[in-house]
C-alpha cells in the first residue's frame, strides 16, 4: 500500500501461533519498521551506517528504549541495516520489536518478511 508522502507496507501473518503485524515505512531520511506480537512498540533500536574511509562498512546499532540485554534484537537491526546499505541506500533504520516470542525462528521469520516486502 503506497501513500504520499510516506511509502507504507502493512503485513500480518502467524509465527509459531503468534499473530505478527509488521508496518514498513520509508521516510526521506530513514526507514521505520514496526513488528509486534503484543500490540505495542516493544524495544526500539536505531541502526545506521558509519561514514568513513574504510573499504569495509561499519554499522552502529543502539537500543533507544526497551530491552538492552537481547542480543538477538541488536543482531536483527544490524542485519536489516546491512541489507539496506547493500541495496545502495544510506538512510538509517528505526526498528521496533514487540515480541511475545524472542526465539531465533520468530526473529528470522520477521526479518525475511521485512526483506521480502522491503520499501528500499
Protein backbone atom coordinates (compact mmCIF):
# COMPACT_ATOMS: atom_id res chain seq x y z
CA UNK A 1 0.00 0.00 0.00
CA UNK A 2 1.60 3.26 -1.16
CA UNK A 3 0.62 6.64 0.24
CA UNK A 4 2.04 10.14 0.00
CA UNK A 5 4.43 11.36 1.34
CA UNK A 6 5.44 8.18 3.17
CA UNK A 7 5.55 4.80 1.43
CA UNK A 8 3.93 2.23 3.73
CA UNK A 9 3.56 -1.54 3.62
CA UNK A 10 1.49 -3.44 6.18
CA UNK A 11 1.76 -7.19 6.74
CA UNK A 12 0.04 -9.63 9.06
CA UNK A 13 0.99 -13.27 9.50
CA UNK A 14 1.36 -16.01 12.15
CA UNK A 15 4.69 -17.18 13.50
CA UNK A 16 4.55 -20.15 15.87
CA UNK A 17 0.91 -19.39 16.67
CA UNK A 18 1.51 -15.69 17.43
CA UNK A 19 -0.23 -13.11 15.25
CA UNK A 20 2.51 -10.82 13.99
CA UNK A 21 1.83 -7.37 12.50
CA UNK A 22 4.51 -5.51 10.58
CA UNK A 23 4.49 -1.95 9.25
CA UNK A 24 7.34 -0.78 7.00
CA UNK A 25 7.63 2.97 6.27
CA UNK A 26 10.02 4.85 4.02
CA UNK A 27 10.77 8.44 5.06
CA UNK A 28 13.18 10.83 3.33
CA UNK A 29 15.89 10.29 5.94
CA UNK A 30 15.18 6.82 7.41
CA UNK A 31 13.20 3.61 7.30
CA UNK A 32 10.83 2.67 10.12
CA UNK A 33 9.99 -0.98 10.72
CA UNK A 34 7.50 -1.90 13.44
CA UNK A 35 6.94 -5.59 14.16
CA UNK A 36 4.64 -6.51 17.01
CA UNK A 37 3.04 -9.56 18.56
CA UNK A 38 1.98 -7.61 21.67
CA UNK A 39 0.04 -4.78 20.02
CA UNK A 40 2.64 -2.19 21.06
CA UNK A 41 6.06 -0.85 20.20
CA UNK A 42 8.35 -3.01 22.36
CA UNK A 43 12.10 -2.44 22.11
CA UNK A 44 13.13 0.41 19.80
CA UNK A 45 16.52 0.32 18.09
CA UNK A 46 18.35 2.76 15.83
CA UNK A 47 20.82 1.46 13.22
CA UNK A 48 22.97 3.39 10.79
CA UNK A 49 25.95 3.01 8.54
CA UNK A 50 29.01 4.89 9.75
CA UNK A 51 30.58 7.10 7.12
CA UNK A 52 34.33 6.62 6.89
CA UNK A 53 37.27 5.98 4.64
CA UNK A 54 37.40 2.25 5.31
CA UNK A 55 36.72 -0.14 2.44
CA UNK A 56 34.56 -2.27 4.73
CA UNK A 57 31.43 -0.53 6.04
CA UNK A 58 30.89 -0.12 9.77
CA UNK A 59 27.43 -0.18 11.31
CA UNK A 60 26.22 1.27 14.59
CA UNK A 61 23.19 -0.20 16.37
CA UNK A 62 21.86 1.24 19.62
CA UNK A 63 18.86 0.49 21.80
CA UNK A 64 16.80 3.66 22.28
CA UNK A 65 14.10 2.18 24.55
CA UNK A 66 13.46 -1.25 25.98
CA UNK A 67 15.43 -4.44 26.49
CA UNK A 68 19.17 -3.86 26.37
CA UNK A 69 20.04 -7.47 27.18
CA UNK A 70 18.64 -9.05 23.99
CA UNK A 71 21.49 -9.61 21.51
CA UNK A 72 19.03 -11.16 19.02
CA UNK A 73 17.23 -7.80 18.68
CA UNK A 74 20.50 -5.95 18.05
CA UNK A 75 21.55 -8.62 15.52
CA UNK A 76 18.26 -8.25 13.64
CA UNK A 77 18.69 -4.46 13.41
CA UNK A 78 22.23 -4.98 12.15
CA UNK A 79 21.03 -7.50 9.54
CA UNK A 80 18.45 -5.04 8.24
CA UNK A 81 20.80 -2.02 8.11
CA UNK A 82 23.38 -4.14 6.26
CA UNK A 83 20.68 -5.15 3.76
CA UNK A 84 19.55 -1.53 3.35
CA UNK A 85 23.14 -0.39 2.83
CA UNK A 86 23.95 -3.15 0.33
CA UNK A 87 20.91 -2.09 -1.72
CA UNK A 88 22.54 1.33 -2.18
CA UNK A 89 20.65 3.41 0.39
CA UNK A 90 22.43 5.49 3.02
CA UNK A 91 19.29 6.03 5.15
CA UNK A 92 19.22 4.92 8.76
CA UNK A 93 16.78 2.45 10.32
CA UNK A 94 14.47 2.72 13.31
CA UNK A 95 13.29 -0.76 14.29
CA UNK A 96 10.62 -1.54 16.86
CA UNK A 97 10.22 -5.15 18.00
CA UNK A 98 7.36 -6.00 20.38
CA UNK A 99 7.62 -9.77 20.56
CA UNK A 100 5.99 -12.41 22.75
CA UNK A 101 8.44 -14.98 21.42
CA UNK A 102 12.10 -13.95 21.14
CA UNK A 103 13.23 -17.22 19.54
CA UNK A 104 15.59 -17.34 16.57
CA UNK A 105 12.78 -18.80 14.42
CA UNK A 106 10.47 -15.85 15.18
CA UNK A 107 13.11 -13.20 14.54
CA UNK A 108 14.19 -14.91 11.30
CA UNK A 109 10.57 -15.07 10.13
CA UNK A 110 10.09 -11.37 10.76
CA UNK A 111 13.38 -10.39 9.11
CA UNK A 112 12.67 -12.46 6.00
CA UNK A 113 9.13 -10.97 5.70
CA UNK A 114 10.55 -7.43 6.03
CA UNK A 115 13.26 -8.07 3.42
CA UNK A 116 10.74 -9.71 1.05
CA UNK A 117 8.43 -6.68 1.36
CA UNK A 118 11.10 -4.00 1.61
CA UNK A 119 10.47 -0.41 0.60
CA UNK A 120 14.15 0.41 -0.05
